[in-house]
């Protein structure tokens, strides 16, 4: 007996966008909005929300989080259900992510002739201003490279999340000096010394 494959659903993207705009939220604000309402462990990425409004399949857990945060019954927001398709070539995907990370670590802060960043997709993600290659290049949806750029954004976003996680791990691994003073606490005063007055 084999387990059933995980299911995905397609949500009513148009309705989601109406609700988002009524709340006065930008797309890039959706992850923080969900984290504040439902908790960080239930938040989604910006790219996941963009998949939702474009009518792309979502894992059912992410779809439920979106419906809950917008205050809609899950079944009312779902327009179709699908069996999760086979995953793409995982090794090829991971190889692409690794190559992007290597490139960013080596060239991420370089620029072209002291002006434009060599890797705007990295620099502008750091500042939170990256909106995707199609927006950066001002390409319309009917442009031949539109879908290719969407795929590139997904892979690069995965790479960026790993870079961020690596930075957090590095901070966690930094040793704390044994004699490091707690700034919230002062040493007890010595005999004959008033609090807040240091000895000479």
Protein backbone atom coordinates (compact mmCIF):
# COMPACT_ATOMS: atom_id res chain seq x y z
CA UNK A 1 0.00 0.00 0.00
CA UNK A 2 1.40 3.37 -1.02
CA UNK A 3 0.59 6.76 0.38
CA UNK A 4 -1.46 9.14 -1.71
CA UNK A 5 0.64 11.87 -3.29
CA UNK A 6 0.27 15.34 -1.75
CA UNK A 7 -2.46 17.42 -3.30
CA UNK A 8 -2.24 20.91 -4.69
CA UNK A 9 -4.99 23.41 -5.31
CA UNK A 10 -5.51 26.45 -7.49
CA UNK A 11 -6.98 29.54 -5.84
CA UNK A 12 -9.05 32.38 -7.23
CA UNK A 13 -6.18 34.77 -7.91
CA UNK A 14 -8.39 37.64 -9.00
CA UNK A 15 -10.32 37.56 -5.76
CA UNK A 16 -7.10 37.44 -3.75
CA UNK A 17 -5.86 40.57 -5.47
CA UNK A 18 -9.10 42.43 -4.76
CA UNK A 19 -8.82 41.55 -1.07
CA UNK A 20 -5.12 42.48 -0.95
CA UNK A 21 -5.79 45.90 -2.43
CA UNK A 22 -8.73 46.48 -0.08
CA UNK A 23 -6.34 45.90 2.81
CA UNK A 24 -3.84 48.36 1.31
CA UNK A 25 -1.08 45.75 1.16
CA UNK A 26 1.72 45.50 -1.38
CA UNK A 27 2.58 42.03 -2.64
CA UNK A 28 5.98 42.12 -0.92
CA UNK A 29 4.19 42.82 2.39
CA UNK A 30 2.11 39.64 2.26
CA UNK A 31 4.69 37.35 3.99
CA UNK A 32 4.99 39.70 7.00
CA UNK A 33 1.21 40.19 7.09
CA UNK A 34 0.65 36.43 7.33
CA UNK A 35 3.45 36.02 9.87
CA UNK A 36 1.86 38.68 12.10
CA UNK A 37 -1.63 37.20 11.81
CA UNK A 38 -0.88 33.46 11.90
CA UNK A 39 2.68 33.22 13.23
CA UNK A 40 6.05 33.03 11.43
CA UNK A 41 5.86 29.25 11.01
CA UNK A 42 2.78 29.62 8.80
CA UNK A 43 4.01 32.44 6.61
CA UNK A 44 4.63 32.02 2.88
CA UNK A 45 7.13 33.54 0.50
CA UNK A 46 6.35 36.35 -1.90
CA UNK A 47 6.90 33.99 -4.82
CA UNK A 48 4.30 31.58 -3.39
CA UNK A 49 1.73 34.37 -3.24
CA UNK A 50 2.56 35.36 -6.80
CA UNK A 51 1.93 31.74 -7.83
CA UNK A 52 -1.46 31.95 -6.15
CA UNK A 53 -2.61 35.07 -7.99
CA UNK A 54 -1.36 33.68 -11.31
CA UNK A 55 -3.45 30.54 -10.95
CA UNK A 56 -0.52 28.22 -10.34
CA UNK A 57 -0.82 25.08 -8.17
CA UNK A 58 -0.05 25.57 -4.46
CA UNK A 59 0.54 23.04 -1.74
CA UNK A 60 -2.66 22.74 0.22
CA UNK A 61 -1.08 23.97 3.48
CA UNK A 62 0.04 27.25 1.89
CA UNK A 63 -3.37 27.68 0.28
CA UNK A 64 -5.12 27.23 3.64
CA UNK A 65 -2.86 29.85 5.23
CA UNK A 66 -3.71 32.34 2.48
CA UNK A 67 -7.45 31.74 2.76
CA UNK A 68 -7.37 32.04 6.55
CA UNK A 69 -5.41 35.29 6.64
CA UNK A 70 -7.85 36.87 4.16
CA UNK A 71 -10.83 35.61 6.20
CA UNK A 72 -12.31 33.42 3.50
CA UNK A 73 -13.56 29.82 3.73
CA UNK A 74 -10.95 27.60 2.09
CA UNK A 75 -13.43 25.75 -0.13
CA UNK A 76 -14.82 29.06 -1.36
CA UNK A 77 -11.41 30.28 -2.55
CA UNK A 78 -10.37 27.04 -4.29
CA UNK A 79 -11.20 26.88 -7.99
CA UNK A 80 -9.69 23.45 -8.70
CA UNK A 81 -7.78 20.59 -7.07
CA UNK A 82 -4.93 18.62 -8.60
CA UNK A 83 -2.75 15.69 -7.80
CA UNK A 84 0.73 17.04 -7.16
CA UNK A 85 2.74 16.50 -10.37
CA UNK A 86 6.12 14.84 -10.30
CA UNK A 87 8.85 17.13 -9.11
CA UNK A 88 11.31 18.47 -11.64
CA UNK A 89 14.87 17.21 -11.73
CA UNK A 90 15.91 17.94 -8.15
CA UNK A 91 19.63 17.55 -8.81
CA UNK A 92 19.55 20.00 -11.71
CA UNK A 93 17.65 22.49 -9.56
CA UNK A 94 20.09 22.17 -6.67
CA UNK A 95 23.06 22.49 -9.02
CA UNK A 96 21.62 25.75 -10.37
CA UNK A 97 21.06 27.06 -6.83
CA UNK A 98 24.63 26.15 -5.82
CA UNK A 99 26.07 27.94 -8.84
CA UNK A 100 24.07 31.09 -8.08
CA UNK A 101 25.26 31.09 -4.46
CA UNK A 102 28.91 30.66 -5.53
CA UNK A 103 28.54 33.55 -7.97
CA UNK A 104 26.95 35.85 -5.40
CA UNK A 105 29.58 35.05 -2.78
CA UNK A 106 32.36 35.86 -5.27
CA UNK A 107 30.82 38.75 -7.23
CA UNK A 108 27.68 39.79 -5.35
CA UNK A 109 28.94 43.24 -4.39
CA UNK A 110 30.77 44.04 -7.65
CA UNK A 111 29.52 46.73 -9.99
CA UNK A 112 29.87 47.68 -13.63
CA UNK A 113 32.06 50.75 -14.21
CA UNK A 114 31.37 51.93 -10.68
CA UNK A 115 27.67 52.39 -11.45
CA UNK A 116 25.21 49.53 -11.96
CA UNK A 117 25.51 46.45 -9.73
CA UNK A 118 26.84 43.41 -11.56
CA UNK A 119 24.17 41.29 -9.85
CA UNK A 120 21.11 43.50 -9.25
CA UNK A 121 19.07 40.39 -8.39
CA UNK A 122 21.30 39.98 -5.31
CA UNK A 123 21.92 43.61 -4.29
CA UNK A 124 18.25 44.62 -4.56
CA UNK A 125 17.10 41.52 -2.73
CA UNK A 126 19.34 42.58 0.16
CA UNK A 127 17.55 45.93 0.30
CA UNK A 128 14.11 44.36 -0.23
CA UNK A 129 13.56 46.20 -3.52
CA UNK A 130 13.84 43.32 -5.99
CA UNK A 131 10.59 42.64 -7.88
CA UNK A 132 11.81 40.21 -10.54
CA UNK A 133 13.66 40.15 -13.84
CA UNK A 134 10.60 40.98 -15.91
CA UNK A 135 9.91 44.11 -13.87
CA UNK A 136 13.60 45.03 -13.82
CA UNK A 137 13.80 44.77 -17.61
CA UNK A 138 10.28 46.14 -18.10
CA UNK A 139 9.18 43.21 -20.19
CA UNK A 140 5.48 42.67 -21.02
CA UNK A 141 3.81 39.29 -20.30
CA UNK A 142 3.81 38.39 -23.99
CA UNK A 143 7.60 38.73 -24.25
CA UNK A 144 9.37 35.47 -25.25
CA UNK A 145 11.59 35.59 -22.13
CA UNK A 146 8.74 36.23 -19.65
CA UNK A 147 8.34 32.62 -18.46
CA UNK A 148 12.07 31.99 -18.51
CA UNK A 149 12.56 34.99 -16.24
CA UNK A 150 9.87 33.73 -13.84
CA UNK A 151 11.72 30.42 -13.56
CA UNK A 152 14.99 32.26 -12.99
CA UNK A 153 13.39 34.33 -10.22
CA UNK A 154 12.21 31.17 -8.44
CA UNK A 155 15.66 29.57 -8.52
CA UNK A 156 17.39 32.78 -7.42
CA UNK A 157 14.90 33.30 -4.60
CA UNK A 158 15.68 29.79 -3.34
CA UNK A 159 19.39 30.62 -3.47
CA UNK A 160 18.82 33.89 -1.59
CA UNK A 161 16.88 32.15 1.18
CA UNK A 162 19.81 29.78 1.64
CA UNK A 163 22.27 32.69 1.78
CA UNK A 164 20.12 34.35 4.46
CA UNK A 165 19.97 31.10 6.44
CA UNK A 166 23.75 30.73 6.18
CA UNK A 167 24.16 34.25 7.60
CA UNK A 168 21.83 33.43 10.51
CA UNK A 169 23.73 30.21 11.26
CA UNK A 170 27.00 32.12 11.24
CA UNK A 171 25.64 34.53 13.83
CA UNK A 172 24.48 31.62 15.99
CA UNK A 173 27.93 30.01 15.85
CA UNK A 174 29.83 33.11 17.00
CA UNK A 175 31.41 32.43 20.42
CA UNK A 176 30.29 34.51 23.35
CA UNK A 177 33.12 35.71 25.60
CA UNK A 178 32.91 34.24 29.09
CA UNK A 179 33.61 37.61 30.69
CA UNK A 180 31.21 39.52 28.45
CA UNK A 181 29.19 41.80 30.69
CA UNK A 182 25.42 41.97 30.58
CA UNK A 183 24.70 45.66 29.79
CA UNK A 184 21.39 45.42 31.66
CA UNK A 185 23.16 44.64 34.91
CA UNK A 186 25.66 46.66 36.91
CA UNK A 187 28.24 45.10 39.23
CA UNK A 188 27.35 45.33 42.91
CA UNK A 189 28.83 48.45 44.58
CA UNK A 190 31.92 48.01 46.67
CA UNK A 191 31.92 48.82 50.35
CA UNK A 192 31.42 52.52 50.94
CA UNK A 193 30.46 53.13 47.31
CA UNK A 194 27.05 54.46 46.31
CA UNK A 195 25.17 52.77 43.40
CA UNK A 196 26.12 54.32 40.05
CA UNK A 197 29.43 55.61 41.43
CA UNK A 198 32.54 53.79 40.30
CA UNK A 199 35.64 53.51 42.41
CA UNK A 200 38.72 55.53 41.64
